[in-house]
Protein backbone atom coordinates (compact mmCIF):
# COMPACT_ATOMS: atom_id res chain seq x y z
CA UNK A 1 1.25 46.51 -79.23
CA UNK A 2 -0.50 43.78 -81.20
CA UNK A 3 0.45 40.33 -79.90
CA UNK A 4 -1.55 38.25 -82.35
CA UNK A 5 -4.82 37.40 -80.57
CA UNK A 6 -4.06 39.85 -77.75
CA UNK A 7 -3.25 43.54 -77.47
CA UNK A 8 -1.02 45.13 -74.81
CA UNK A 9 -1.32 48.82 -73.99
CA UNK A 10 1.02 50.85 -71.81
CA UNK A 11 -1.00 53.03 -69.46
CA UNK A 12 0.56 56.09 -67.79
CA UNK A 13 -1.59 58.14 -65.38
CA UNK A 14 -0.34 61.16 -63.48
CA UNK A 15 -0.71 61.82 -59.73
CA UNK A 16 -4.15 63.27 -59.05
CA UNK A 17 -5.79 61.33 -61.91
CA UNK A 18 -9.26 59.99 -61.06
CA UNK A 19 -11.66 58.35 -63.54
CA UNK A 20 -14.73 60.19 -62.22
CA UNK A 21 -12.99 63.56 -62.61
CA UNK A 22 -10.88 63.04 -65.74
CA UNK A 23 -12.85 60.60 -67.92
CA UNK A 24 -16.46 60.65 -66.73
CA UNK A 25 -17.04 64.23 -67.98
CA UNK A 26 -16.05 63.04 -71.47
CA UNK A 27 -17.93 59.73 -71.62
CA UNK A 28 -20.73 60.13 -69.07
CA UNK A 29 -22.23 57.34 -67.05
CA UNK A 30 -22.06 56.56 -63.36
CA UNK A 31 -18.80 54.57 -63.45
CA UNK A 32 -16.25 53.04 -65.82
CA UNK A 33 -17.94 50.19 -67.69
CA UNK A 34 -14.74 48.69 -69.11
CA UNK A 35 -13.11 45.54 -67.77
CA UNK A 36 -9.37 45.85 -67.15
CA UNK A 37 -6.69 43.15 -66.90
CA UNK A 38 -3.12 44.26 -66.36
CA UNK A 39 0.07 44.40 -64.37
CA UNK A 40 1.37 47.42 -62.48
CA UNK A 41 4.97 48.50 -63.03
CA UNK A 42 5.14 51.60 -60.79
CA UNK A 43 2.90 53.77 -58.66
CA UNK A 44 -0.28 52.71 -56.90
CA UNK A 45 -3.99 52.83 -57.68
CA UNK A 46 -7.19 52.27 -55.75
CA UNK A 47 -10.32 51.03 -57.52
CA UNK A 48 -13.75 51.15 -55.89
CA UNK A 49 -16.37 48.93 -57.54
CA UNK A 50 -20.06 49.84 -57.60
CA UNK A 51 -20.75 46.93 -55.21
CA UNK A 52 -18.62 48.65 -52.54
CA UNK A 53 -15.55 46.43 -52.84
CA UNK A 54 -12.16 48.10 -53.18
CA UNK A 55 -8.79 46.95 -54.41
CA UNK A 56 -5.43 48.70 -54.15
CA UNK A 57 -2.66 47.63 -56.52
CA UNK A 58 1.08 48.10 -56.09
CA UNK A 59 4.13 47.54 -58.33
CA UNK A 60 4.38 43.93 -59.44
CA UNK A 61 0.67 43.22 -58.88
CA UNK A 62 -1.43 41.67 -61.61
CA UNK A 63 -4.99 42.99 -61.51
CA UNK A 64 -8.46 42.69 -62.91
CA UNK A 65 -11.12 45.37 -62.45
CA UNK A 66 -14.72 44.48 -63.29
CA UNK A 67 -16.99 46.87 -65.18
CA UNK A 68 -18.65 49.35 -62.83
CA UNK A 69 -15.85 51.09 -60.96
CA UNK A 70 -14.05 54.35 -60.22
CA UNK A 71 -10.28 54.46 -59.88
CA UNK A 72 -7.61 56.92 -58.80
CA UNK A 73 -3.84 57.20 -58.60
CA UNK A 74 -2.51 57.17 -55.03
CA UNK A 75 0.24 59.48 -53.84
CA UNK A 76 2.68 61.51 -55.90
CA UNK A 77 4.11 58.82 -58.20
CA UNK A 78 2.68 58.24 -61.67
CA UNK A 79 0.88 54.98 -62.40
CA UNK A 80 2.62 52.93 -65.09
CA UNK A 81 1.11 49.63 -66.09
CA UNK A 82 0.36 47.37 -69.00
CA UNK A 83 -3.19 46.29 -69.80
CA UNK A 84 -4.12 43.33 -71.96
CA UNK A 85 -7.17 42.50 -74.03
CA UNK A 86 -8.04 39.50 -76.14
CA UNK A 87 -8.90 40.49 -79.71
CA UNK A 88 -10.49 37.14 -80.57
CA UNK A 89 -10.87 33.86 -78.76
CA UNK A 90 -10.29 30.94 -81.07
CA UNK A 91 -9.85 28.04 -78.66
CA UNK A 92 -12.59 25.44 -78.99
CA UNK A 93 -16.01 26.33 -77.64
CA UNK A 94 -14.92 29.92 -76.92
CA UNK A 95 -14.34 30.69 -80.59
CA UNK A 96 -15.49 34.17 -81.61
CA UNK A 97 -13.95 34.03 -85.07
CA UNK A 98 -15.54 32.17 -87.93
């Protein structure tokens, strides 16, 4: 959904989903290089960053995952969340649009 300067995407991942098994074979690389900002509606996910830190998110949690991570759905409930990205920053010194 386009929200003007931001985009919201509904993300649904099934039990057993894991980035390194489901996405890595398609895109290659050691780990996911995307940054993620979102809020979890249902299910649970664990994300392990390349630096060894881990985060587990639960329903109602807002989250941010830095580039360089693997992630997987926990348990037998699907992961449903919304992720947000900024299409263009146009506030003062952060302007990316001309």
